C-alpha atoms as a PDB file:
ATOM      1  CA  UNK A   1     126.965 106.735 107.076  1.00  0.00           C
ATOM      2  CA  UNK A   2     124.630 105.200 104.502  1.00  0.00           C
ATOM      3  CA  UNK A   3     124.652 108.470 102.573  1.00  0.00           C
ATOM      4  CA  UNK A   4     128.456 108.256 102.267  1.00  0.00           C
ATOM      5  CA  UNK A   5     128.475 104.786 100.689  1.00  0.00           C
ATOM      6  CA  UNK A   6     127.853 105.675  97.018  1.00  0.00           C
ATOM      7  CA  UNK A   7     130.679 108.235  96.941  1.00  0.00           C
ATOM      8  CA  UNK A   8     132.948 105.853  98.853  1.00  0.00           C
ATOM      9  CA  UNK A   9     132.474 103.093  96.241  1.00  0.00           C
ATOM     10  CA  UNK A  10     133.272 105.483  93.406  1.00  0.00           C
ATOM     11  CA  UNK A  11     136.340 106.759  95.225  1.00  0.00           C
ATOM     12  CA  UNK A  12     137.578 103.208  95.718  1.00  0.00           C
ATOM     13  CA  UNK A  13     137.231 102.518  91.996  1.00  0.00           C
ATOM     14  CA  UNK A  14     139.072 105.742  91.159  1.00  0.00           C
ATOM     15  CA  UNK A  15     141.823 104.873  93.648  1.00  0.00           C
ATOM     16  CA  UNK A  16     142.308 101.491  91.974  1.00  0.00           C
ATOM     17  CA  UNK A  17     142.483 103.150  88.556  1.00  0.00           C
ATOM     18  CA  UNK A  18     145.025 105.659  89.879  1.00  0.00           C
ATOM     19  CA  UNK A  19     147.199 102.875  91.334  1.00  0.00           C
ATOM     20  CA  UNK A  20     147.152 101.047  88.016  1.00  0.00           C
ATOM     21  CA  UNK A  21     148.133 104.254  86.228  1.00  0.00           C
ATOM     22  CA  UNK A  22     151.020 104.855  88.637  1.00  0.00           C
ATOM     23  CA  UNK A  23     152.299 101.310  88.132  1.00  0.00           C
ATOM     24  CA  UNK A  24     152.199 101.811  84.391  1.00  0.00           C
ATOM     25  CA  UNK A  25     154.213 104.974  84.838  1.00  0.00           C
ATOM     26  CA  UNK A  26     157.110 103.049  86.418  1.00  0.00           C
ATOM     27  CA  UNK A  27     157.104 100.455  83.635  1.00  0.00           C
ATOM     28  CA  UNK A  28     159.037 101.000  80.352  1.00  0.00           C
ATOM     29  CA  UNK A  29     156.870 103.355  78.346  1.00  0.00           C
ATOM     30  CA  UNK A  30     155.584 102.309  74.963  1.00  0.00           C
ATOM     31  CA  UNK A  31     156.767 105.635  73.571  1.00  0.00           C
ATOM     32  CA  UNK A  32     160.439 104.736  74.293  1.00  0.00           C
ATOM     33  CA  UNK A  33     160.540 101.689  72.061  1.00  0.00           C
ATOM     34  CA  UNK A  34     162.040 103.546  69.068  1.00  0.00           C
ATOM     35  CA  UNK A  35     165.079 105.230  70.625  1.00  0.00           C
ATOM     36  CA  UNK A  36     165.093 104.732  74.415  1.00  0.00           C
ATOM     37  CA  UNK A  37     168.535 106.321  74.869  1.00  0.00           C
ATOM     38  CA  UNK A  38     167.848 109.720  73.362  1.00  0.00           C
ATOM     39  CA  UNK A  39     166.936 112.663  75.583  1.00  0.00           C
ATOM     40  CA  UNK A  40     164.383 113.914  73.056  1.00  0.00           C
ATOM     41  CA  UNK A  41     162.441 110.661  73.134  1.00  0.00           C
ATOM     42  CA  UNK A  42     162.539 110.572  76.931  1.00  0.00           C
ATOM     43  CA  UNK A  43     161.112 114.077  77.150  1.00  0.00           C
ATOM     44  CA  UNK A  44     158.409 113.255  74.599  1.00  0.00           C
ATOM     45  CA  UNK A  45     157.524 110.065  76.471  1.00  0.00           C
ATOM     46  CA  UNK A  46     157.317 111.888  79.814  1.00  0.00           C
ATOM     47  CA  UNK A  47     155.136 114.592  78.264  1.00  0.00           C
ATOM     48  CA  UNK A  48     152.743 112.051  76.797  1.00  0.00           C
ATOM     49  CA  UNK A  49     152.568 110.143  80.096  1.00  0.00           C
ATOM     50  CA  UNK A  50     151.691 113.368  81.909  1.00  0.00           C
ATOM     51  CA  UNK A  51     148.929 114.036  79.393  1.00  0.00           C
ATOM     52  CA  UNK A  52     147.556 110.529  79.885  1.00  0.00           C
ATOM     53  CA  UNK A  53     147.580 110.920  83.687  1.00  0.00           C
ATOM     54  CA  UNK A  54     145.876 114.300  83.469  1.00  0.00           C
ATOM     55  CA  UNK A  55     143.170 113.010  81.121  1.00  0.00           C
ATOM     56  CA  UNK A  56     142.536 110.013  83.392  1.00  0.00           C
ATOM     57  CA  UNK A  57     142.265 112.270  86.453  1.00  0.00           C
ATOM     58  CA  UNK A  58     139.726 114.434  84.634  1.00  0.00           C
ATOM     59  CA  UNK A  59     137.774 111.330  83.618  1.00  0.00           C
ATOM     60  CA  UNK A  60     137.809 110.060  87.222  1.00  0.00           C
ATOM     61  CA  UNK A  61     136.517 113.397  88.507  1.00  0.00           C
ATOM     62  CA  UNK A  62     133.722 113.378  85.933  1.00  0.00           C
ATOM     63  CA  UNK A  63     132.835 109.814  86.927  1.00  0.00           C
ATOM     64  CA  UNK A  64     132.660 110.843  90.575  1.00  0.00           C
ATOM     65  CA  UNK A  65     130.442 113.841  89.832  1.00  0.00           C
ATOM     66  CA  UNK A  66     128.152 111.775  87.625  1.00  0.00           C
ATOM     67  CA  UNK A  67     127.777 109.153  90.348  1.00  0.00           C
ATOM     68  CA  UNK A  68     126.925 111.815  92.939  1.00  0.00           C
ATOM     69  CA  UNK A  69     124.412 113.426  90.565  1.00  0.00           C
ATOM     70  CA  UNK A  70     122.710 110.090  89.902  1.00  0.00           C
ATOM     71  CA  UNK A  71     122.599 109.390  93.669  1.00  0.00           C
ATOM     72  CA  UNK A  72     120.923 112.710  94.453  1.00  0.00           C
ATOM     73  CA  UNK A  73     118.545 112.406  91.489  1.00  0.00           C
ATOM     74  CA  UNK A  74     117.516 108.935  92.672  1.00  0.00           C
ATOM     75  CA  UNK A  75     116.343 110.443  95.964  1.00  0.00           C
ATOM     76  CA  UNK A  76     114.527 113.330  94.272  1.00  0.00           C
ATOM     77  CA  UNK A  77     112.974 111.003  91.721  1.00  0.00           C
ATOM     78  CA  UNK A  78     111.550 108.886  94.537  1.00  0.00           C
ATOM     79  CA  UNK A  79     109.288 111.747  95.578  1.00  0.00           C
ATOM     80  CA  UNK A  80     108.224 112.535  92.015  1.00  0.00           C
ATOM     81  CA  UNK A  81     107.290 108.935  91.215  1.00  0.00           C
ATOM     82  CA  UNK A  82     105.600 108.416  94.606  1.00  0.00           C
ATOM     83  CA  UNK A  83     104.675 111.758  96.232  1.00  0.00           C
ATOM     84  CA  UNK A  84     102.664 109.924  98.895  1.00  0.00           C
ATOM     85  CA  UNK A  85     106.037 108.953 100.417  1.00  0.00           C
ATOM     86  CA  UNK A  86     106.401 112.502 101.758  1.00  0.00           C
ATOM     87  CA  UNK A  87     103.454 111.794 104.053  1.00  0.00           C
ATOM     88  CA  UNK A  88     104.776 108.342 104.924  1.00  0.00           C
ATOM     89  CA  UNK A  89     108.136 109.776 106.014  1.00  0.00           C
ATOM     90  CA  UNK A  90     106.438 112.472 108.092  1.00  0.00           C
ATOM     91  CA  UNK A  91     104.375 109.787 109.826  1.00  0.00           C
ATOM     92  CA  UNK A  92     107.499 107.713 110.475  1.00  0.00           C
ATOM     93  CA  UNK A  93     109.204 110.723 112.037  1.00  0.00           C
ATOM     94  CA  UNK A  94     106.221 111.571 114.291  1.00  0.00           C
ATOM     95  CA  UNK A  95     105.713 107.965 115.376  1.00  0.00           C
ATOM     96  CA  UNK A  96     109.351 107.595 116.363  1.00  0.00           C
ATOM     97  CA  UNK A  97     109.301 110.934 118.192  1.00  0.00           C
ATOM     98  CA  UNK A  98     106.504 109.510 120.332  1.00  0.00           C
ATOM     99  CA  UNK A  99     108.101 106.078 120.664  1.00  0.00           C
ATOM    100  CA  UNK A 100     111.505 107.529 121.526  1.00  0.00           C
ATOM    101  CA  UNK A 101     109.990 109.726 124.246  1.00  0.00           C
ATOM    102  CA  UNK A 102     108.009 106.852 125.762  1.00  0.00           C
ATOM    103  CA  UNK A 103     110.923 104.418 125.602  1.00  0.00           C
ATOM    104  CA  UNK A 104     113.331 106.888 127.192  1.00  0.00           C
ATOM    105  CA  UNK A 105     111.123 108.253 129.966  1.00  0.00           C
ATOM    106  CA  UNK A 106     108.674 105.513 131.027  1.00  0.00           C
ATOM    107  CA  UNK A 107     110.993 104.304 133.778  1.00  0.00           C
ATOM    108  CA  UNK A 108     111.687 107.819 135.093  1.00  0.00           C
ATOM    109  CA  UNK A 109     107.995 108.709 135.038  1.00  0.00           C
ATOM    110  CA  UNK A 110     107.088 105.743 137.240  1.00  0.00           C
ATOM    111  CA  UNK A 111     109.938 106.293 139.701  1.00  0.00           C
ATOM    112  CA  UNK A 112     109.222 110.034 140.017  1.00  0.00           C
ATOM    113  CA  UNK A 113     105.560 109.202 140.647  1.00  0.00           C
ATOM    114  CA  UNK A 114     106.589 107.503 143.904  1.00  0.00           C
ATOM    115  CA  UNK A 115     106.886 103.879 142.848  1.00  0.00           C
ATOM    116  CA  UNK A 116     109.933 101.692 143.348  1.00  0.00           C
ATOM    117  CA  UNK A 117     112.716 101.281 140.824  1.00  0.00           C
ATOM    118  CA  UNK A 118     111.770  97.607 140.512  1.00  0.00           C
ATOM    119  CA  UNK A 119     108.261  98.537 139.364  1.00  0.00           C
ATOM    120  CA  UNK A 120     109.708 101.048 136.911  1.00  0.00           C
ATOM    121  CA  UNK A 121     112.027  98.406 135.475  1.00  0.00           C
ATOM    122  CA  UNK A 122     109.145  95.913 135.244  1.00  0.00           C
ATOM    123  CA  UNK A 123     107.008  98.348 133.246  1.00  0.00           C
ATOM    124  CA  UNK A 124     109.889  99.055 130.883  1.00  0.00           C
ATOM    125  CA  UNK A 125     110.487  95.310 130.482  1.00  0.00           C
ATOM    126  CA  UNK A 126     106.825  94.824 129.586  1.00  0.00           C
ATOM    127  CA  UNK A 127     107.231  97.490 126.903  1.00  0.00           C
ATOM    128  CA  UNK A 128     109.977  95.363 125.397  1.00  0.00           C
ATOM    129  CA  UNK A 129     107.925  92.153 125.694  1.00  0.00           C
ATOM    130  CA  UNK A 130     104.975  93.878 124.043  1.00  0.00           C
ATOM    131  CA  UNK A 131     107.197  95.040 121.201  1.00  0.00           C
ATOM    132  CA  UNK A 132     108.434  91.473 120.690  1.00  0.00           C
ATOM    133  CA  UNK A 133     104.872  90.107 120.565  1.00  0.00           C
ATOM    134  CA  UNK A 134     103.840  92.799 118.092  1.00  0.00           C
ATOM    135  CA  UNK A 135     106.722  91.940 115.780  1.00  0.00           C
ATOM    136  CA  UNK A 136     105.923  88.224 115.920  1.00  0.00           C
ATOM    137  CA  UNK A 137     102.160  88.333 115.341  1.00  0.00           C
ATOM    138  CA  UNK A 138     101.630  91.480 113.255  1.00  0.00           C
ATOM    139  CA  UNK A 139     101.491  89.538 109.994  1.00  0.00           C
ATOM    140  CA  UNK A 140      98.604  87.240 110.959  1.00  0.00           C
ATOM    141  CA  UNK A 141      95.678  89.557 110.056  1.00  0.00           C
ATOM    142  CA  UNK A 142      97.441  90.638 106.854  1.00  0.00           C
ATOM    143  CA  UNK A 143      98.226  87.096 105.685  1.00  0.00           C
ATOM    144  CA  UNK A 144      94.637  86.106 106.479  1.00  0.00           C
ATOM    145  CA  UNK A 145      93.494  89.078 104.342  1.00  0.00           C
ATOM    146  CA  UNK A 146      91.427  90.420 107.218  1.00  0.00           C
ATOM    147  CA  UNK A 147      92.776  93.924 106.684  1.00  0.00           C
ATOM    148  CA  UNK A 148      95.258  95.915 104.630  1.00  0.00           C
ATOM    149  CA  UNK A 149      98.677  96.798 106.099  1.00  0.00           C
ATOM    150  CA  UNK A 150      97.741 100.487 106.107  1.00  0.00           C
ATOM    151  CA  UNK A 151      94.507  99.740 107.987  1.00  0.00           C
ATOM    152  CA  UNK A 152      96.356  97.817 110.696  1.00  0.00           C
ATOM    153  CA  UNK A 153      98.950 100.584 110.879  1.00  0.00           C
ATOM    154  CA  UNK A 154      96.221 103.206 111.356  1.00  0.00           C
ATOM    155  CA  UNK A 155      94.617 101.130 114.132  1.00  0.00           C
ATOM    156  CA  UNK A 156      97.919 100.920 116.002  1.00  0.00           C
ATOM    157  CA  UNK A 157      98.394 104.701 115.708  1.00  0.00           C
ATOM    158  CA  UNK A 158      94.956 105.340 117.214  1.00  0.00           C
ATOM    159  CA  UNK A 159      95.531 102.785 119.993  1.00  0.00           C
ATOM    160  CA  UNK A 160      98.927 104.293 120.865  1.00  0.00           C
ATOM    161  CA  UNK A 161      97.425 107.797 120.987  1.00  0.00           C
ATOM    162  CA  UNK A 162      94.674 106.664 123.389  1.00  0.00           C
ATOM    163  CA  UNK A 163      97.129 104.809 125.637  1.00  0.00           C
ATOM    164  CA  UNK A 164      99.511 107.747 125.953  1.00  0.00           C
ATOM    165  CA  UNK A 165      96.729 110.267 126.650  1.00  0.00           C
ATOM    166  CA  UNK A 166      95.250 108.025 129.382  1.00  0.00           C
ATOM    167  CA  UNK A 167      98.680 107.547 130.969  1.00  0.00           C
ATOM    168  CA  UNK A 168      99.052 110.967 132.700  1.00  0.00           C
ATOM    169  CA  UNK A 169      95.311 111.256 133.414  1.00  0.00           C
ATOM    170  CA  UNK A 170      95.098 108.062 135.469  1.00  0.00           C
ATOM    171  CA  UNK A 171      98.364 108.561 137.360  1.00  0.00           C
ATOM    172  CA  UNK A 172      98.498 105.066 138.881  1.00  0.00           C
ATOM    173  CA  UNK A 173     100.789 102.093 138.412  1.00  0.00           C
ATOM    174  CA  UNK A 174      98.423  99.623 136.701  1.00  0.00           C
ATOM    175  CA  UNK A 175      97.676 102.206 134.003  1.00  0.00           C
ATOM    176  CA  UNK A 176     101.391 102.908 133.614  1.00  0.00           C
ATOM    177  CA  UNK A 177     101.972  99.187 133.046  1.00  0.00           C
ATOM    178  CA  UNK A 178      99.119  98.870 130.537  1.00  0.00           C
ATOM    179  CA  UNK A 179     100.301 101.994 128.737  1.00  0.00           C
ATOM    180  CA  UNK A 180     103.900 100.772 128.524  1.00  0.00           C
ATOM    181  CA  UNK A 181     102.893  97.297 127.317  1.00  0.00           C
ATOM    182  CA  UNK A 182     100.425  98.811 124.828  1.00  0.00           C
ATOM    183  CA  UNK A 183     103.027 101.187 123.398  1.00  0.00           C
ATOM    184  CA  UNK A 184     105.344  98.199 123.084  1.00  0.00           C
ATOM    185  CA  UNK A 185     102.762  96.141 121.172  1.00  0.00           C
ATOM    186  CA  UNK A 186     101.795  98.987 118.845  1.00  0.00           C
ATOM    187  CA  UNK A 187     105.410  99.899 118.118  1.00  0.00           C
ATOM    188  CA  UNK A 188     106.233  96.235 117.523  1.00  0.00           C
ATOM    189  CA  UNK A 189     103.518  96.176 114.866  1.00  0.00           C
ATOM    190  CA  UNK A 190     104.368  99.562 113.360  1.00  0.00           C
ATOM    191  CA  UNK A 191     108.110  99.165 112.889  1.00  0.00           C
ATOM    192  CA  UNK A 192     108.084  96.072 110.612  1.00  0.00           C
ATOM    193  CA  UNK A 193     104.796  97.077 108.978  1.00  0.00           C
ATOM    194  CA  UNK A 194     106.390 100.275 107.638  1.00  0.00           C
ATOM    195  CA  UNK A 195     108.517  98.281 105.198  1.00  0.00           C
ATOM    196  CA  UNK A 196     105.418  96.687 103.675  1.00  0.00           C
ATOM    197  CA  UNK A 197     103.786 100.112 103.295  1.00  0.00           C
ATOM    198  CA  UNK A 198     106.949 101.549 101.737  1.00  0.00           C
ATOM    199  CA  UNK A 199     107.226  98.681  99.240  1.00  0.00           C
ATOM    200  CA  UNK A 200     103.580  99.048  98.254  1.00  0.00           C
ATOM    201  CA  UNK A 201     104.145 102.724  97.450  1.00  0.00           C
ATOM    202  CA  UNK A 202     107.512 102.628  95.665  1.00  0.00           C
ATOM    203  CA  UNK A 203     107.733  99.102  94.267  1.00  0.00           C
ATOM    204  CA  UNK A 204     111.033  97.230  94.269  1.00  0.00           C
ATOM    205  CA  UNK A 205     113.339  99.244  92.011  1.00  0.00           C
ATOM    206  CA  UNK A 206     113.435 102.212  94.452  1.00  0.00           C
ATOM    207  CA  UNK A 207     113.084 100.136  97.602  1.00  0.00           C
ATOM    208  CA  UNK A 208     116.707 100.476  98.757  1.00  0.00           C
ATOM    209  CA  UNK A 209     116.594 104.281  98.624  1.00  0.00           C
ATOM    210  CA  UNK A 210     113.151 104.374 100.240  1.00  0.00           C
ATOM    211  CA  UNK A 211     114.181 102.121 103.120  1.00  0.00           C
ATOM    212  CA  UNK A 212     117.375 104.130 103.675  1.00  0.00           C
ATOM    213  CA  UNK A 213     115.372 107.341 104.020  1.00  0.00           C
ATOM    214  CA  UNK A 214     112.913 105.549 106.308  1.00  0.00           C
ATOM    215  CA  UNK A 215     115.737 104.539 108.641  1.00  0.00           C
ATOM    216  CA  UNK A 216     117.013 108.114 108.628  1.00  0.00           C
ATOM    217  CA  UNK A 217     113.606 109.545 109.610  1.00  0.00           C
ATOM    218  CA  UNK A 218     113.121 106.887 112.289  1.00  0.00           C
ATOM    219  CA  UNK A 219     116.514 107.582 113.829  1.00  0.00           C
ATOM    220  CA  UNK A 220     115.936 111.337 113.855  1.00  0.00           C
ATOM    221  CA  UNK A 221     112.506 110.846 115.429  1.00  0.00           C
ATOM    222  CA  UNK A 222     113.774 108.671 118.278  1.00  0.00           C
ATOM    223  CA  UNK A 223     116.626 111.073 119.016  1.00  0.00           C
ATOM    224  CA  UNK A 224     114.425 114.188 118.970  1.00  0.00           C
ATOM    225  CA  UNK A 225     111.581 112.606 120.944  1.00  0.00           C
ATOM    226  CA  UNK A 226     113.707 111.675 123.937  1.00  0.00           C
ATOM    227  CA  UNK A 227     115.290 115.120 124.210  1.00  0.00           C
ATOM    228  CA  UNK A 228     112.018 117.040 123.820  1.00  0.00           C
ATOM    229  CA  UNK A 229     110.181 114.948 126.422  1.00  0.00           C
ATOM    230  CA  UNK A 230     113.073 115.391 128.846  1.00  0.00           C
ATOM    231  CA  UNK A 231     113.201 119.149 128.295  1.00  0.00           C
ATOM    232  CA  UNK A 232     109.447 119.477 128.897  1.00  0.00           C
ATOM    233  CA  UNK A 233     109.740 117.451 132.105  1.00  0.00           C
ATOM    234  CA  UNK A 234     112.501 119.701 133.395  1.00  0.00           C
ATOM    235  CA  UNK A 235     110.456 122.814 132.662  1.00  0.00           C
ATOM    236  CA  UNK A 236     107.156 121.532 134.089  1.00  0.00           C
ATOM    237  CA  UNK A 237     108.468 119.369 136.933  1.00  0.00           C
ATOM    238  CA  UNK A 238     106.393 116.298 135.937  1.00  0.00           C
ATOM    239  CA  UNK A 239     105.831 113.971 133.024  1.00  0.00           C
ATOM    240  CA  UNK A 240     102.193 114.841 132.306  1.00  0.00           C
ATOM    241  CA  UNK A 241     103.000 117.348 129.574  1.00  0.00           C
ATOM    242  CA  UNK A 242     105.655 115.048 128.147  1.00  0.00           C
ATOM    243  CA  UNK A 243     103.170 112.223 127.639  1.00  0.00           C
ATOM    244  CA  UNK A 244     100.579 114.639 126.285  1.00  0.00           C
ATOM    245  CA  UNK A 245     103.251 115.470 123.712  1.00  0.00           C
ATOM    246  CA  UNK A 246     103.589 111.759 122.935  1.00  0.00           C
ATOM    247  CA  UNK A 247      99.833 111.452 122.490  1.00  0.00           C
ATOM    248  CA  UNK A 248      99.757 114.570 120.314  1.00  0.00           C
ATOM    249  CA  UNK A 249     102.499 113.152 118.070  1.00  0.00           C
ATOM    250  CA  UNK A 250     100.514 109.939 117.620  1.00  0.00           C
ATOM    251  CA  UNK A 251      97.327 111.918 116.940  1.00  0.00           C
ATOM    252  CA  UNK A 252      99.035 114.091 114.342  1.00  0.00           C
ATOM    253  CA  UNK A 253     100.464 110.985 112.693  1.00  0.00           C
ATOM    254  CA  UNK A 254      96.900 109.610 112.403  1.00  0.00           C
ATOM    255  CA  UNK A 255      95.845 112.760 110.530  1.00  0.00           C
ATOM    256  CA  UNK A 256      98.876 112.674 108.231  1.00  0.00           C
ATOM    257  CA  UNK A 257      98.518 108.953 107.511  1.00  0.00           C
ATOM    258  CA  UNK A 258      94.832 109.175 106.605  1.00  0.00           C
ATOM    259  CA  UNK A 259      95.510 110.144 102.926  1.00  0.00           C
ATOM    260  CA  UNK A 260      97.922 107.198 102.622  1.00  0.00           C
ATOM    261  CA  UNK A 261      95.203 104.856 103.898  1.00  0.00           C
ATOM    262  CA  UNK A 262      92.600 106.289 101.528  1.00  0.00           C
ATOM    263  CA  UNK A 263      94.934 105.994  98.527  1.00  0.00           C
ATOM    264  CA  UNK A 264      95.733 102.358  99.291  1.00  0.00           C
ATOM    265  CA  UNK A 265      92.068 101.466  99.732  1.00  0.00           C
ATOM    266  CA  UNK A 266      91.234 103.204  96.471  1.00  0.00           C
ATOM    267  CA  UNK A 267      93.970 101.315  94.639  1.00  0.00           C
ATOM    268  CA  UNK A 268      92.711  98.025  96.065  1.00  0.00           C
ATOM    269  CA  UNK A 269      89.146  98.846  94.942  1.00  0.00           C
ATOM    270  CA  UNK A 270      90.398  99.709  91.449  1.00  0.00           C
ATOM    271  CA  UNK A 271      92.366  96.448  91.221  1.00  0.00           C
ATOM    272  CA  UNK A 272      89.320  94.478  92.381  1.00  0.00           C
ATOM    273  CA  UNK A 273      87.075  96.112  89.767  1.00  0.00           C
ATOM    274  CA  UNK A 274      89.663  95.604  87.007  1.00  0.00           C
ATOM    275  CA  UNK A 275      90.093  91.941  87.936  1.00  0.00           C
ATOM    276  CA  UNK A 276      86.344  91.393  87.954  1.00  0.00           C
ATOM    277  CA  UNK A 277      85.990  92.957  84.500  1.00  0.00           C
ATOM    278  CA  UNK A 278      88.810  90.794  83.155  1.00  0.00           C
ATOM    279  CA  UNK A 279      87.234  87.622  84.473  1.00  0.00           C
ATOM    280  CA  UNK A 280      83.865  88.591  82.907  1.00  0.00           C
ATOM    281  CA  UNK A 281      85.595  89.238  79.598  1.00  0.00           C
ATOM    282  CA  UNK A 282      84.422  92.881  79.445  1.00  0.00           C
END
């Protein structure tokens, strides 16, 4: 739906222009002021009005095509000005594949393991509570300048991978609860932290496009993750392989995000050195 907005705005403007043109058509034409009662003048006026309408329609079509071209170029230009965003979007997709699978199937995993529905609902509720806590407190270490946003993001990816790999190995309720709460905390940190990472890589003038693409990748990841985990469970008869998939997605996202982390740390080091040289007057 977001992708349709630019064209929709242009179409609305063209529709308004067309309505104005139609209203002008029903008004006394400026070409009839000389001899409004002659058939020759009426024909000439109608011909000129048709030419005006045709030229305006052509202009509107060109405007629409230009707007669409600029919209597509803005997305392509994002990757040329900040190629690291390709890796960021891949990480976002993988993380939400894992998160979508865990969110969708944690309850079913616990119930199918022989525990009550109440315990399954409690574990899922703790996932939500953990996500809330992560969203509230994720900014503390960054504001205190203890670590970079990318460093914290990498730590949450590693923690989520460990939690989801331990989940099927332990196969007991306390571990299920810890795993669910841990995935909630890590996801609560990751989801808002992504916007900081995106802004650091694209700046502000391309932020709207970058965030729109981020939301697209996140939505696709959540949708795909739930279906894949469910399909694996139906084929294998248990959720062990499904949660190994979740852990693998988190692990792969760690590998893909590593260059992003290294680039950000290098940029910070360069800024620190440049600032130090400026202060020394060298």
